[in-house]
C-alpha cells in the first residue's frame, strides 16, 4: 500500500510516517517511480510504534527494541538475546514510568478528594 493509505488506516499523518522512516522504525520498499510501498503488516507496526511512543519511549529506545517485538507481549528472538544495553535502557524507562504513575495516582486521589468535598454527590462516581 502507499503512504496515503497507511496514513488513513492508522490515523497517523504522512509526515509522521516519513519521520518514522527517517528514524529507521519503518522500512518501506520503493517502487520504480520512487513511491513508498508498505506491506499489510505495516498497519500493525505503526500502531505498535504509536503505542510505544504514547507510553513515553523515545524513537531511539523503540529502534533498539523493535527488532525483538513481533507483537505486544511476544519477543522474537528469545528474551535472553536482548543486549544488556537495551535491557538497561528499558529498566531506566520502567522506573520513569513508575514514577509518573505514582505522581498521577497521587494527583488523581487529591483531585477526587477535593471534588468529593465540594460536590459530595459526585463522590460515588470516583474511580
PDB file of N, CA and C in Angstrom:
ATOM      1  N   UNK A   1       0.853  -1.176   0.000  1.00  0.00           N
ATOM      2  CA  UNK A   1       0.000   0.000   0.000  1.00  0.00           C
ATOM      3  C   UNK A   1       0.893   1.231   0.000  1.00  0.00           C
ATOM      4  N   UNK A   2       0.348   2.333  -0.461  1.00  0.00           N
ATOM      5  CA  UNK A   2       1.108   3.582  -0.489  1.00  0.00           C
ATOM      6  C   UNK A   2       0.928   4.319   0.831  1.00  0.00           C
ATOM      7  N   UNK A   3       1.715   5.347   1.015  1.00  0.00           N
ATOM      8  CA  UNK A   3       1.768   6.057   2.290  1.00  0.00           C
ATOM      9  C   UNK A   3       0.423   6.683   2.660  1.00  0.00           C
ATOM     10  N   UNK A   4      -0.322   7.174   1.695  1.00  0.00           N
ATOM     11  CA  UNK A   4      -1.623   7.780   1.982  1.00  0.00           C
ATOM     12  C   UNK A   4      -2.603   6.777   2.572  1.00  0.00           C
ATOM     13  N   UNK A   5      -2.603   5.561   2.028  1.00  0.00           N
ATOM     14  CA  UNK A   5      -3.490   4.537   2.557  1.00  0.00           C
ATOM     15  C   UNK A   5      -3.063   4.121   3.963  1.00  0.00           C
ATOM     16  N   UNK A   6      -1.757   3.973   4.177  1.00  0.00           N
ATOM     17  CA  UNK A   6      -1.265   3.634   5.512  1.00  0.00           C
ATOM     18  C   UNK A   6      -1.660   4.724   6.507  1.00  0.00           C
ATOM     19  N   UNK A   7      -1.551   5.952   6.092  1.00  0.00           N
ATOM     20  CA  UNK A   7      -1.945   7.085   6.941  1.00  0.00           C
ATOM     21  C   UNK A   7      -3.425   7.004   7.300  1.00  0.00           C
ATOM     22  N   UNK A   8      -4.267   6.752   6.308  1.00  0.00           N
ATOM     23  CA  UNK A   8      -5.710   6.657   6.566  1.00  0.00           C
ATOM     24  C   UNK A   8      -6.034   5.494   7.499  1.00  0.00           C
ATOM     25  N   UNK A   9      -5.398   4.364   7.287  1.00  0.00           N
ATOM     26  CA  UNK A   9      -5.725   3.167   8.076  1.00  0.00           C
ATOM     27  C   UNK A   9      -5.214   3.241   9.507  1.00  0.00           C
ATOM     28  N   UNK A  10      -4.155   4.014   9.730  1.00  0.00           N
ATOM     29  CA  UNK A  10      -3.587   4.108  11.079  1.00  0.00           C
ATOM     30  C   UNK A  10      -3.916   5.424  11.759  1.00  0.00           C
ATOM     31  N   UNK A  11      -4.482   6.367  11.000  1.00  0.00           N
ATOM     32  CA  UNK A  11      -4.765   7.716  11.503  1.00  0.00           C
ATOM     33  C   UNK A  11      -3.501   8.425  11.964  1.00  0.00           C
ATOM     34  N   UNK A  12      -2.397   8.132  11.279  1.00  0.00           N
ATOM     35  CA  UNK A  12      -1.111   8.781  11.548  1.00  0.00           C
ATOM     36  C   UNK A  12      -0.782   9.613  10.311  1.00  0.00           C
ATOM     37  N   UNK A  13      -0.518  10.908  10.483  1.00  0.00           N
ATOM     38  CA  UNK A  13      -0.218  11.756   9.327  1.00  0.00           C
ATOM     39  C   UNK A  13       0.978  11.240   8.521  1.00  0.00           C
ATOM     40  N   UNK A  14       0.935  11.476   7.218  1.00  0.00           N
ATOM     41  CA  UNK A  14       2.039  11.022   6.355  1.00  0.00           C
ATOM     42  C   UNK A  14       3.369  11.623   6.798  1.00  0.00           C
ATOM     43  N   UNK A  15       3.326  12.849   7.298  1.00  0.00           N
ATOM     44  CA  UNK A  15       4.551  13.498   7.784  1.00  0.00           C
ATOM     45  C   UNK A  15       5.204  12.648   8.874  1.00  0.00           C
ATOM     46  N   UNK A  16       4.380  12.106   9.811  1.00  0.00           N
ATOM     47  CA  UNK A  16       4.923  11.260  10.876  1.00  0.00           C
ATOM     48  C   UNK A  16       5.422   9.929  10.336  1.00  0.00           C
ATOM     49  N   UNK A  17       4.745   9.382   9.342  1.00  0.00           N
ATOM     50  CA  UNK A  17       5.209   8.123   8.751  1.00  0.00           C
ATOM     51  C   UNK A  17       6.577   8.312   8.100  1.00  0.00           C
ATOM     52  N   UNK A  18       6.768   9.441   7.441  1.00  0.00           N
ATOM     53  CA  UNK A  18       8.093   9.737   6.855  1.00  0.00           C
ATOM     54  C   UNK A  18       9.137   9.896   7.963  1.00  0.00           C
ATOM     55  N   UNK A  19       8.734  10.530   9.055  1.00  0.00           N
ATOM     56  CA  UNK A  19       9.647  10.679  10.197  1.00  0.00           C
ATOM     57  C   UNK A  19      10.027   9.311  10.756  1.00  0.00           C
ATOM     58  N   UNK A  20       9.069   8.403  10.896  1.00  0.00           N
ATOM     59  CA  UNK A  20       9.371   7.049  11.384  1.00  0.00           C
ATOM     60  C   UNK A  20      10.369   6.368  10.455  1.00  0.00           C
ATOM     61  N   UNK A  21      10.231   6.611   9.169  1.00  0.00           N
ATOM     62  CA  UNK A  21      11.191   6.054   8.212  1.00  0.00           C
ATOM     63  C   UNK A  21      12.580   6.663   8.432  1.00  0.00           C
ATOM     64  N   UNK A  22      12.634   7.975   8.613  1.00  0.00           N
ATOM     65  CA  UNK A  22      13.914   8.647   8.876  1.00  0.00           C
ATOM     66  C   UNK A  22      14.574   8.108  10.137  1.00  0.00           C
ATOM     67  N   UNK A  23      13.763   7.739  11.124  1.00  0.00           N
ATOM     68  CA  UNK A  23      14.266   7.220  12.392  1.00  0.00           C
ATOM     69  C   UNK A  23      14.529   5.704  12.335  1.00  0.00           C
ATOM     70  N   UNK A  24      14.362   5.119  11.165  1.00  0.00           N
ATOM     71  CA  UNK A  24      14.593   3.685  10.931  1.00  0.00           C
ATOM     72  C   UNK A  24      13.634   2.805  11.734  1.00  0.00           C
ATOM     73  N   UNK A  25      12.400   3.287  11.897  1.00  0.00           N
ATOM     74  CA  UNK A  25      11.365   2.499  12.557  1.00  0.00           C
ATOM     75  C   UNK A  25      10.489   1.787  11.528  1.00  0.00           C
ATOM     76  N   UNK A  26      10.363   2.378  10.358  1.00  0.00           N
ATOM     77  CA  UNK A  26       9.634   1.783   9.239  1.00  0.00           C
ATOM     78  C   UNK A  26      10.592   1.633   8.065  1.00  0.00           C
ATOM     79  N   UNK A  27      10.381   0.588   7.293  1.00  0.00           N
ATOM     80  CA  UNK A  27      11.279   0.316   6.167  1.00  0.00           C
ATOM     81  C   UNK A  27      10.474  -0.028   4.921  1.00  0.00           C
ATOM     82  N   UNK A  28       9.865   0.999   4.296  1.00  0.00           N
ATOM     83  CA  UNK A  28       9.085   0.722   3.099  1.00  0.00           C
ATOM     84  C   UNK A  28       9.999   0.396   1.921  1.00  0.00           C
ATOM     85  N   UNK A  29       9.448  -0.341   0.981  1.00  0.00           N
ATOM     86  CA  UNK A  29      10.155  -0.557  -0.278  1.00  0.00           C
ATOM     87  C   UNK A  29       9.857   0.638  -1.166  1.00  0.00           C
ATOM     88  N   UNK A  30      10.643   0.809  -2.212  1.00  0.00           N
ATOM     89  CA  UNK A  30      10.397   1.883  -3.180  1.00  0.00           C
ATOM     90  C   UNK A  30      10.029   1.249  -4.516  1.00  0.00           C
ATOM     91  N   UNK A  31       8.994   1.792  -5.117  1.00  0.00           N
ATOM     92  CA  UNK A  31       8.590   1.310  -6.433  1.00  0.00           C
ATOM     93  C   UNK A  31       9.492   1.946  -7.479  1.00  0.00           C
ATOM     94  N   UNK A  32       9.357   1.543  -8.712  1.00  0.00           N
ATOM     95  CA  UNK A  32      10.184   2.076  -9.797  1.00  0.00           C
ATOM     96  C   UNK A  32      10.095   3.579  -9.948  1.00  0.00           C
ATOM     97  N   UNK A  33       8.939   4.142  -9.617  1.00  0.00           N
ATOM     98  CA  UNK A  33       8.790   5.597  -9.728  1.00  0.00           C
ATOM     99  C   UNK A  33       9.121   6.322  -8.423  1.00  0.00           C
ATOM    100  N   UNK A  34       9.650   5.595  -7.422  1.00  0.00           N
ATOM    101  CA  UNK A  34      10.086   6.216  -6.182  1.00  0.00           C
ATOM    102  C   UNK A  34       9.060   6.274  -5.075  1.00  0.00           C
ATOM    103  N   UNK A  35       7.820   5.823  -5.337  1.00  0.00           N
ATOM    104  CA  UNK A  35       6.806   5.827  -4.292  1.00  0.00           C
ATOM    105  C   UNK A  35       7.124   4.799  -3.217  1.00  0.00           C
ATOM    106  N   UNK A  36       6.750   5.142  -1.989  1.00  0.00           N
ATOM    107  CA  UNK A  36       6.897   4.189  -0.891  1.00  0.00           C
ATOM    108  C   UNK A  36       5.821   3.112  -1.023  1.00  0.00           C
ATOM    109  N   UNK A  37       6.201   1.886  -0.735  1.00  0.00           N
ATOM    110  CA  UNK A  37       5.260   0.771  -0.763  1.00  0.00           C
ATOM    111  C   UNK A  37       5.388   0.018   0.558  1.00  0.00           C
ATOM    112  N   UNK A  38       4.262  -0.081   1.281  1.00  0.00           N
ATOM    113  CA  UNK A  38       4.255  -0.719   2.593  1.00  0.00           C
ATOM    114  C   UNK A  38       3.504  -2.042   2.531  1.00  0.00           C
ATOM    115  N   UNK A  39       4.000  -3.042   3.257  1.00  0.00           N
ATOM    116  CA  UNK A  39       3.256  -4.305   3.333  1.00  0.00           C
ATOM    117  C   UNK A  39       2.063  -4.151   4.279  1.00  0.00           C
ATOM    118  N   UNK A  40       1.153  -5.080   4.236  1.00  0.00           N
ATOM    119  CA  UNK A  40      -0.019  -5.078   5.123  1.00  0.00           C
ATOM    120  C   UNK A  40       0.408  -5.024   6.588  1.00  0.00           C
ATOM    121  N   UNK A  41       1.511  -5.669   6.925  1.00  0.00           N
ATOM    122  CA  UNK A  41       1.990  -5.714   8.312  1.00  0.00           C
ATOM    123  C   UNK A  41       2.375  -4.335   8.848  1.00  0.00           C
ATOM    124  N   UNK A  42       2.562  -3.354   7.958  1.00  0.00           N
ATOM    125  CA  UNK A  42       2.943  -2.009   8.407  1.00  0.00           C
ATOM    126  C   UNK A  42       1.845  -1.364   9.245  1.00  0.00           C
ATOM    127  N   UNK A  43       0.591  -1.741   9.021  1.00  0.00           N
ATOM    128  CA  UNK A  43      -0.513  -1.172   9.811  1.00  0.00           C
ATOM    129  C   UNK A  43      -0.310  -1.513  11.285  1.00  0.00           C
ATOM    130  N   UNK A  44      -0.083  -2.777  11.584  1.00  0.00           N
ATOM    131  CA  UNK A  44       0.145  -3.196  12.972  1.00  0.00           C
ATOM    132  C   UNK A  44       1.438  -2.599  13.511  1.00  0.00           C
ATOM    133  N   UNK A  45       2.452  -2.504  12.670  1.00  0.00           N
ATOM    134  CA  UNK A  45       3.730  -1.959  13.126  1.00  0.00           C
ATOM    135  C   UNK A  45       3.591  -0.480  13.498  1.00  0.00           C
ATOM    136  N   UNK A  46       2.876   0.288  12.694  1.00  0.00           N
ATOM    137  CA  UNK A  46       2.671   1.711  13.004  1.00  0.00           C
ATOM    138  C   UNK A  46       1.874   1.849  14.297  1.00  0.00           C
ATOM    139  N   UNK A  47       0.862   1.028  14.465  1.00  0.00           N
ATOM    140  CA  UNK A  47       0.082   1.083  15.713  1.00  0.00           C
ATOM    141  C   UNK A  47       0.953   0.734  16.909  1.00  0.00           C
ATOM    142  N   UNK A  48       1.844  -0.230  16.736  1.00  0.00           N
ATOM    143  CA  UNK A  48       2.752  -0.592  17.825  1.00  0.00           C
ATOM    144  C   UNK A  48       3.702   0.563  18.128  1.00  0.00           C
ATOM    145  N   UNK A  49       4.246   1.190  17.110  1.00  0.00           N
ATOM    146  CA  UNK A  49       5.134   2.342  17.302  1.00  0.00           C
ATOM    147  C   UNK A  49       4.387   3.451  18.043  1.00  0.00           C
ATOM    148  N   UNK A  50       3.152   3.731  17.629  1.00  0.00           N
ATOM    149  CA  UNK A  50       2.355   4.764  18.302  1.00  0.00           C
ATOM    150  C   UNK A  50       2.155   4.422  19.772  1.00  0.00           C
ATOM    151  N   UNK A  51       1.835   3.177  20.059  1.00  0.00           N
ATOM    152  CA  UNK A  51       1.641   2.765  21.443  1.00  0.00           C
ATOM    153  C   UNK A  51       2.902   2.928  22.273  1.00  0.00           C
ATOM    154  N   UNK A  52       4.031   2.567  21.701  1.00  0.00           N
ATOM    155  CA  UNK A  52       5.301   2.709  22.416  1.00  0.00           C
ATOM    156  C   UNK A  52       5.634   4.180  22.635  1.00  0.00           C
ATOM    157  N   UNK A  53       5.386   5.017  21.634  1.00  0.00           N
ATOM    158  CA  UNK A  53       5.621   6.456  21.801  1.00  0.00           C
ATOM    159  C   UNK A  53       4.695   7.036  22.865  1.00  0.00           C
ATOM    160  N   UNK A  54       3.432   6.614  22.856  1.00  0.00           N
ATOM    161  CA  UNK A  54       2.475   7.117  23.839  1.00  0.00           C
ATOM    162  C   UNK A  54       2.831   6.686  25.254  1.00  0.00           C
ATOM    163  N   UNK A  55       3.553   5.578  25.390  1.00  0.00           N
ATOM    164  CA  UNK A  55       3.978   5.143  26.717  1.00  0.00           C
ATOM    165  C   UNK A  55       5.212   5.915  27.181  1.00  0.00           C
ATOM    166  N   UNK A  56       5.743   6.765  26.306  1.00  0.00           N
ATOM    167  CA  UNK A  56       6.860   7.603  26.694  1.00  0.00           C
ATOM    168  C   UNK A  56       8.211   7.169  26.160  1.00  0.00           C
ATOM    169  N   UNK A  57       8.262   6.088  25.406  1.00  0.00           N
ATOM    170  CA  UNK A  57       9.540   5.669  24.845  1.00  0.00           C
ATOM    171  C   UNK A  57       9.960   6.646  23.758  1.00  0.00           C
ATOM    172  N   UNK A  58      11.248   6.856  23.636  1.00  0.00           N
ATOM    173  CA  UNK A  58      11.774   7.701  22.568  1.00  0.00           C
ATOM    174  C   UNK A  58      11.945   6.857  21.311  1.00  0.00           C
ATOM    175  N   UNK A  59      12.114   7.526  20.185  1.00  0.00           N
ATOM    176  CA  UNK A  59      12.339   6.776  18.944  1.00  0.00           C
ATOM    177  C   UNK A  59      13.632   5.976  19.028  1.00  0.00           C
ATOM    178  N   UNK A  60      14.616   6.482  19.747  1.00  0.00           N
ATOM    179  CA  UNK A  60      15.870   5.746  19.935  1.00  0.00           C
ATOM    180  C   UNK A  60      15.616   4.432  20.684  1.00  0.00           C
ATOM    181  N   UNK A  61      14.820   4.506  21.735  1.00  0.00           N
ATOM    182  CA  UNK A  61      14.502   3.303  22.501  1.00  0.00           C
ATOM    183  C   UNK A  61      13.698   2.321  21.654  1.00  0.00           C
ATOM    184  N   UNK A  62      12.736   2.852  20.915  1.00  0.00           N
ATOM    185  CA  UNK A  62      11.911   1.992  20.076  1.00  0.00           C
ATOM    186  C   UNK A  62      12.771   1.307  19.025  1.00  0.00           C
ATOM    187  N   UNK A  63      13.678   2.047  18.423  1.00  0.00           N
ATOM    188  CA  UNK A  63      14.581   1.461  17.429  1.00  0.00           C
ATOM    189  C   UNK A  63      15.397   0.320  18.034  1.00  0.00           C
ATOM    190  N   UNK A  64      15.765   0.463  19.308  1.00  0.00           N
ATOM    191  CA  UNK A  64      16.564  -0.573  19.971  1.00  0.00           C
ATOM    192  C   UNK A  64      15.750  -1.833  20.251  1.00  0.00           C
ATOM    193  N   UNK A  65      14.476  -1.686  20.591  1.00  0.00           N
ATOM    194  CA  UNK A  65      13.697  -2.873  20.966  1.00  0.00           C
ATOM    195  C   UNK A  65      12.804  -3.414  19.860  1.00  0.00           C
ATOM    196  N   UNK A  66      12.511  -2.601  18.847  1.00  0.00           N
ATOM    197  CA  UNK A  66      11.596  -3.023  17.796  1.00  0.00           C
ATOM    198  C   UNK A  66      11.990  -4.335  17.120  1.00  0.00           C
ATOM    199  N   UNK A  67      13.269  -4.577  16.897  1.00  0.00           N
ATOM    200  CA  UNK A  67      13.622  -5.857  16.268  1.00  0.00           C
ATOM    201  C   UNK A  67      13.238  -7.078  17.102  1.00  0.00           C
ATOM    202  N   UNK A  68      13.016  -6.888  18.390  1.00  0.00           N
ATOM    203  CA  UNK A  68      12.697  -8.003  19.275  1.00  0.00           C
ATOM    204  C   UNK A  68      11.190  -8.189  19.477  1.00  0.00           C
ATOM    205  N   UNK A  69      10.408  -7.241  19.014  1.00  0.00           N
ATOM    206  CA  UNK A  69       8.960  -7.308  19.218  1.00  0.00           C
ATOM    207  C   UNK A  69       8.262  -7.716  17.929  1.00  0.00           C
ATOM    208  N   UNK A  70       7.515  -8.783  17.980  1.00  0.00           N
ATOM    209  CA  UNK A  70       6.706  -9.138  16.806  1.00  0.00           C
ATOM    210  C   UNK A  70       5.266  -8.748  17.062  1.00  0.00           C
ATOM    211  N   UNK A  71       4.881  -8.634  18.304  1.00  0.00           N
ATOM    212  CA  UNK A  71       3.606  -8.068  18.703  1.00  0.00           C
ATOM    213  C   UNK A  71       3.708  -7.804  20.199  1.00  0.00           C
ATOM    214  N   UNK A  72       2.839  -6.949  20.741  1.00  0.00           N
ATOM    215  CA  UNK A  72       2.943  -6.668  22.171  1.00  0.00           C
ATOM    216  C   UNK A  72       2.848  -7.961  22.980  1.00  0.00           C
ATOM    217  N   UNK A  73       3.837  -8.194  23.810  1.00  0.00           N
ATOM    218  CA  UNK A  73       3.810  -9.352  24.686  1.00  0.00           C
ATOM    219  C   UNK A  73       4.559 -10.564  24.181  1.00  0.00           C
ATOM    220  N   UNK A  74       5.040 -10.527  22.940  1.00  0.00           N
ATOM    221  CA  UNK A  74       5.778 -11.674  22.424  1.00  0.00           C
ATOM    222  C   UNK A  74       7.119 -11.203  21.876  1.00  0.00           C
ATOM    223  N   UNK A  75       8.198 -11.777  22.370  1.00  0.00           N
ATOM    224  CA  UNK A  75       9.537 -11.391  21.941  1.00  0.00           C
ATOM    225  C   UNK A  75      10.112 -12.407  20.968  1.00  0.00           C
ATOM    226  N   UNK A  76      10.730 -11.905  19.922  1.00  0.00           N
ATOM    227  CA  UNK A  76      11.454 -12.743  18.979  1.00  0.00           C
ATOM    228  C   UNK A  76      12.686 -11.972  18.597  1.00  0.00           C
ATOM    229  N   UNK A  77      13.867 -12.499  18.690  1.00  0.00           N
ATOM    230  CA  UNK A  77      14.222 -13.813  19.196  1.00  0.00           C
ATOM    231  C   UNK A  77      14.045 -13.914  20.701  1.00  0.00           C
ATOM    232  N   UNK A  78      14.616 -14.942  21.271  1.00  0.00           N
ATOM    233  CA  UNK A  78      14.446 -15.227  22.696  1.00  0.00           C
ATOM    234  C   UNK A  78      14.862 -14.038  23.556  1.00  0.00           C
ATOM    235  N   UNK A  79      14.159 -13.833  24.685  1.00  0.00           N
ATOM    236  CA  UNK A  79      14.467 -12.695  25.567  1.00  0.00           C
ATOM    237  C   UNK A  79      15.931 -12.630  26.001  1.00  0.00           C
ATOM    238  N   UNK A  80      16.572 -13.766  26.178  1.00  0.00           N
ATOM    239  CA  UNK A  80      17.977 -13.737  26.629  1.00  0.00           C
ATOM    240  C   UNK A  80      18.923 -13.167  25.576  1.00  0.00           C
ATOM    241  N   UNK A  81      18.458 -13.005  24.341  1.00  0.00           N
ATOM    242  CA  UNK A  81      19.317 -12.444  23.305  1.00  0.00           C
ATOM    243  C   UNK A  81      19.248 -10.918  23.241  1.00  0.00           C
ATOM    244  N   UNK A  82      18.407 -10.304  24.076  1.00  0.00           N
ATOM    245  CA  UNK A  82      18.334  -8.845  24.112  1.00  0.00           C
ATOM    246  C   UNK A  82      19.630  -8.331  24.727  1.00  0.00           C
ATOM    247  N   UNK A  83      20.330  -7.423  24.040  1.00  0.00           N
ATOM    248  CA  UNK A  83      21.604  -6.909  24.555  1.00  0.00           C
ATOM    249  C   UNK A  83      21.435  -6.247  25.921  1.00  0.00           C
ATOM    250  N   UNK A  84      22.447  -6.347  26.782  1.00  0.00           N
ATOM    251  CA  UNK A  84      22.379  -5.733  28.113  1.00  0.00           C
ATOM    252  C   UNK A  84      22.094  -4.229  28.059  1.00  0.00           C
ATOM    253  N   UNK A  85      22.619  -3.546  27.047  1.00  0.00           N
ATOM    254  CA  UNK A  85      22.390  -2.106  26.939  1.00  0.00           C
ATOM    255  C   UNK A  85      20.905  -1.816  26.705  1.00  0.00           C
ATOM    256  N   UNK A  86      20.267  -2.649  25.904  1.00  0.00           N
ATOM    257  CA  UNK A  86      18.844  -2.472  25.632  1.00  0.00           C
ATOM    258  C   UNK A  86      18.030  -2.757  26.884  1.00  0.00           C
ATOM    259  N   UNK A  87      18.386  -3.809  27.600  1.00  0.00           N
ATOM    260  CA  UNK A  87      17.688  -4.140  28.846  1.00  0.00           C
ATOM    261  C   UNK A  87      17.842  -3.006  29.855  1.00  0.00           C
ATOM    262  N   UNK A  88      19.044  -2.440  29.963  1.00  0.00           N
ATOM    263  CA  UNK A  88      19.281  -1.332  30.899  1.00  0.00           C
ATOM    264  C   UNK A  88      18.452  -0.105  30.506  1.00  0.00           C
ATOM    265  N   UNK A  89      18.381   0.161  29.215  1.00  0.00           N
ATOM    266  CA  UNK A  89      17.584   1.274  28.718  1.00  0.00           C
ATOM    267  C   UNK A  89      16.120   1.096  29.114  1.00  0.00           C
ATOM    268  N   UNK A  90      15.620  -0.111  28.965  1.00  0.00           N
ATOM    269  CA  UNK A  90      14.228  -0.394  29.328  1.00  0.00           C
ATOM    270  C   UNK A  90      14.008  -0.312  30.832  1.00  0.00           C
ATOM    271  N   UNK A  91      14.947  -0.806  31.620  1.00  0.00           N
ATOM    272  CA  UNK A  91      14.826  -0.720  33.080  1.00  0.00           C
ATOM    273  C   UNK A  91      14.740   0.728  33.540  1.00  0.00           C
ATOM    274  N   UNK A  92      15.579   1.582  32.960  1.00  0.00           N
ATOM    275  CA  UNK A  92      15.531   3.004  33.307  1.00  0.00           C
ATOM    276  C   UNK A  92      14.176   3.605  32.952  1.00  0.00           C
ATOM    277  N   UNK A  93      13.673   3.241  31.798  1.00  0.00           N
ATOM    278  CA  UNK A  93      12.393   3.795  31.365  1.00  0.00           C
ATOM    279  C   UNK A  93      11.249   3.284  32.239  1.00  0.00           C
ATOM    280  N   UNK A  94      11.298   2.032  32.617  1.00  0.00           N
ATOM    281  CA  UNK A  94      10.271   1.488  33.511  1.00  0.00           C
ATOM    282  C   UNK A  94      10.254   2.272  34.821  1.00  0.00           C
ATOM    283  N   UNK A  95      11.420   2.605  35.335  1.00  0.00           N
ATOM    284  CA  UNK A  95      11.499   3.421  36.552  1.00  0.00           C
ATOM    285  C   UNK A  95      10.836   4.779  36.368  1.00  0.00           C
ATOM    286  N   UNK A  96      11.060   5.401  35.212  1.00  0.00           N
ATOM    287  CA  UNK A  96      10.426   6.697  34.936  1.00  0.00           C
ATOM    288  C   UNK A  96       8.906   6.549  34.814  1.00  0.00           C
ATOM    289  N   UNK A  97       8.467   5.476  34.172  1.00  0.00           N
ATOM    290  CA  UNK A  97       7.022   5.241  34.044  1.00  0.00           C
ATOM    291  C   UNK A  97       6.400   5.045  35.420  1.00  0.00           C
ATOM    292  N   UNK A  98       7.046   4.249  36.274  1.00  0.00           N
ATOM    293  CA  UNK A  98       6.512   4.006  37.617  1.00  0.00           C
ATOM    294  C   UNK A  98       6.438   5.294  38.421  1.00  0.00           C
ATOM    295  N   UNK A  99       7.438   6.156  38.282  1.00  0.00           N
ATOM    296  CA  UNK A  99       7.404   7.441  38.989  1.00  0.00           C
ATOM    297  C   UNK A  99       6.240   8.297  38.485  1.00  0.00           C
ATOM    298  N   UNK A 100       6.009   8.288  37.173  1.00  0.00           N
ATOM    299  CA  UNK A 100       4.884   9.043  36.608  1.00  0.00           C
ATOM    300  C   UNK A 100       3.555   8.479  37.094  1.00  0.00           C
ATOM    301  N   UNK A 101       3.440   7.150  37.145  1.00  0.00           N
ATOM    302  CA  UNK A 101       2.210   6.519  37.629  1.00  0.00           C
ATOM    303  C   UNK A 101       1.951   6.914  39.072  1.00  0.00           C
ATOM    304  N   UNK A 102       2.985   6.879  39.903  1.00  0.00           N
ATOM    305  CA  UNK A 102       2.838   7.274  41.306  1.00  0.00           C
ATOM    306  C   UNK A 102       2.365   8.722  41.416  1.00  0.00           C
ATOM    307  N   UNK A 103       2.970   9.602  40.635  1.00  0.00           N
ATOM    308  CA  UNK A 103       2.592  11.013  40.661  1.00  0.00           C
ATOM    309  C   UNK A 103       1.154  11.189  40.183  1.00  0.00           C
ATOM    310  N   UNK A 104       0.794  10.539  39.101  1.00  0.00           N
ATOM    311  CA  UNK A 104      -0.570  10.635  38.584  1.00  0.00           C
ATOM    312  C   UNK A 104      -1.583  10.076  39.581  1.00  0.00           C
ATOM    313  N   UNK A 105      -1.249   8.976  40.231  1.00  0.00           N
ATOM    314  CA  UNK A 105      -2.147   8.379  41.222  1.00  0.00           C
ATOM    315  C   UNK A 105      -2.369   9.338  42.391  1.00  0.00           C
ATOM    316  N   UNK A 106      -1.287   9.932  42.888  1.00  0.00           N
ATOM    317  CA  UNK A 106      -1.417  10.909  43.981  1.00  0.00           C
ATOM    318  C   UNK A 106      -2.286  12.084  43.554  1.00  0.00           C
ATOM    319  N   UNK A 107      -2.041  12.610  42.370  1.00  0.00           N
ATOM    320  CA  UNK A 107      -2.820  13.750  41.889  1.00  0.00           C
ATOM    321  C   UNK A 107      -4.280  13.378  41.682  1.00  0.00           C
ATOM    322  N   UNK A 108      -4.551  12.206  41.137  1.00  0.00           N
ATOM    323  CA  UNK A 108      -5.927  11.749  40.955  1.00  0.00           C
ATOM    324  C   UNK A 108      -6.641  11.655  42.295  1.00  0.00           C
ATOM    325  N   UNK A 109      -5.955  11.052  43.284  1.00  0.00           N
ATOM    326  CA  UNK A 109      -6.563  10.895  44.601  1.00  0.00           C
ATOM    327  C   UNK A 109      -6.840  12.238  45.259  1.00  0.00           C
ATOM    328  N   UNK A 110      -5.914  13.178  45.122  1.00  0.00           N
ATOM    329  CA  UNK A 110      -6.116  14.509  45.704  1.00  0.00           C
ATOM    330  C   UNK A 110      -7.276  15.236  45.029  1.00  0.00           C
ATOM    331  N   UNK A 111      -7.330  15.156  43.715  1.00  0.00           N
ATOM    332  CA  UNK A 111      -8.419  15.811  42.993  1.00  0.00           C
ATOM    333  C   UNK A 111      -9.764  15.169  43.314  1.00  0.00           C
ATOM    334  N   UNK A 112      -9.792  13.847  43.425  1.00  0.00           N
ATOM    335  CA  UNK A 112     -11.038  13.152  43.772  1.00  0.00           C
ATOM    336  C   UNK A 112     -11.483  13.541  45.169  1.00  0.00           C
ATOM    337  N   UNK A 113     -10.545  13.664  46.117  1.00  0.00           N
ATOM    338  CA  UNK A 113     -10.889  14.069  47.482  1.00  0.00           C
ATOM    339  C   UNK A 113     -11.421  15.503  47.490  1.00  0.00           C
ATOM    340  N   UNK A 114     -10.799  16.363  46.717  1.00  0.00           N
ATOM    341  CA  UNK A 114     -11.272  17.745  46.620  1.00  0.00           C
ATOM    342  C   UNK A 114     -12.679  17.780  46.025  1.00  0.00           C
ATOM    343  N   UNK A 115     -12.884  17.039  44.946  1.00  0.00           N
ATOM    344  CA  UNK A 115     -14.195  17.005  44.314  1.00  0.00           C
ATOM    345  C   UNK A 115     -15.247  16.451  45.269  1.00  0.00           C
ATOM    346  N   UNK A 116     -14.897  15.417  46.022  1.00  0.00           N
ATOM    347  CA  UNK A 116     -15.840  14.841  46.990  1.00  0.00           C
ATOM    348  C   UNK A 116     -16.201  15.860  48.066  1.00  0.00           C
ATOM    349  N   UNK A 117     -15.238  16.706  48.431  1.00  0.00           N
ATOM    350  CA  UNK A 117     -15.504  17.712  49.462  1.00  0.00           C
ATOM    351  C   UNK A 117     -16.400  18.828  48.937  1.00  0.00           C
ATOM    352  N   UNK A 118     -16.226  19.216  47.683  1.00  0.00           N
ATOM    353  CA  UNK A 118     -17.014  20.331  47.157  1.00  0.00           C
ATOM    354  C   UNK A 118     -18.307  19.885  46.487  1.00  0.00           C
ATOM    355  N   UNK A 119     -18.365  18.618  46.091  1.00  0.00           N
ATOM    356  CA  UNK A 119     -19.567  18.088  45.437  1.00  0.00           C
ATOM    357  C   UNK A 119     -19.803  16.662  45.940  1.00  0.00           C
ATOM    358  N   UNK A 120     -20.284  16.528  47.167  1.00  0.00           N
ATOM    359  CA  UNK A 120     -20.444  15.198  47.768  1.00  0.00           C
ATOM    360  C   UNK A 120     -21.244  14.219  46.916  1.00  0.00           C
ATOM    361  N   UNK A 121     -22.203  14.687  46.142  1.00  0.00           N
ATOM    362  CA  UNK A 121     -22.998  13.776  45.316  1.00  0.00           C
ATOM    363  C   UNK A 121     -22.184  13.153  44.185  1.00  0.00           C
ATOM    364  N   UNK A 122     -21.039  13.756  43.789  1.00  0.00           N
ATOM    365  CA  UNK A 122     -20.177  13.212  42.738  1.00  0.00           C
ATOM    366  C   UNK A 122     -19.182  12.186  43.262  1.00  0.00           C
ATOM    367  N   UNK A 123     -19.079  12.085  44.575  1.00  0.00           N
ATOM    368  CA  UNK A 123     -18.096  11.168  45.161  1.00  0.00           C
ATOM    369  C   UNK A 123     -18.331   9.721  44.742  1.00  0.00           C
ATOM    370  N   UNK A 124     -19.575   9.361  44.478  1.00  0.00           N
ATOM    371  CA  UNK A 124     -19.895   7.982  44.066  1.00  0.00           C
ATOM    372  C   UNK A 124     -19.312   7.652  42.708  1.00  0.00           C
ATOM    373  N   UNK A 125     -19.046   8.637  41.874  1.00  0.00           N
ATOM    374  CA  UNK A 125     -18.520   8.415  40.527  1.00  0.00           C
ATOM    375  C   UNK A 125     -16.996   8.249  40.520  1.00  0.00           C
ATOM    376  N   UNK A 126     -16.384   8.420  41.657  1.00  0.00           N
ATOM    377  CA  UNK A 126     -14.924   8.357  41.768  1.00  0.00           C
ATOM    378  C   UNK A 126     -14.407   7.008  41.314  1.00  0.00           C
ATOM    379  N   UNK A 127     -13.234   7.030  40.741  1.00  0.00           N
ATOM    380  CA  UNK A 127     -12.586   5.812  40.219  1.00  0.00           C
ATOM    381  C   UNK A 127     -12.307   4.831  41.315  1.00  0.00           C
TER     382      UNK A 127
END
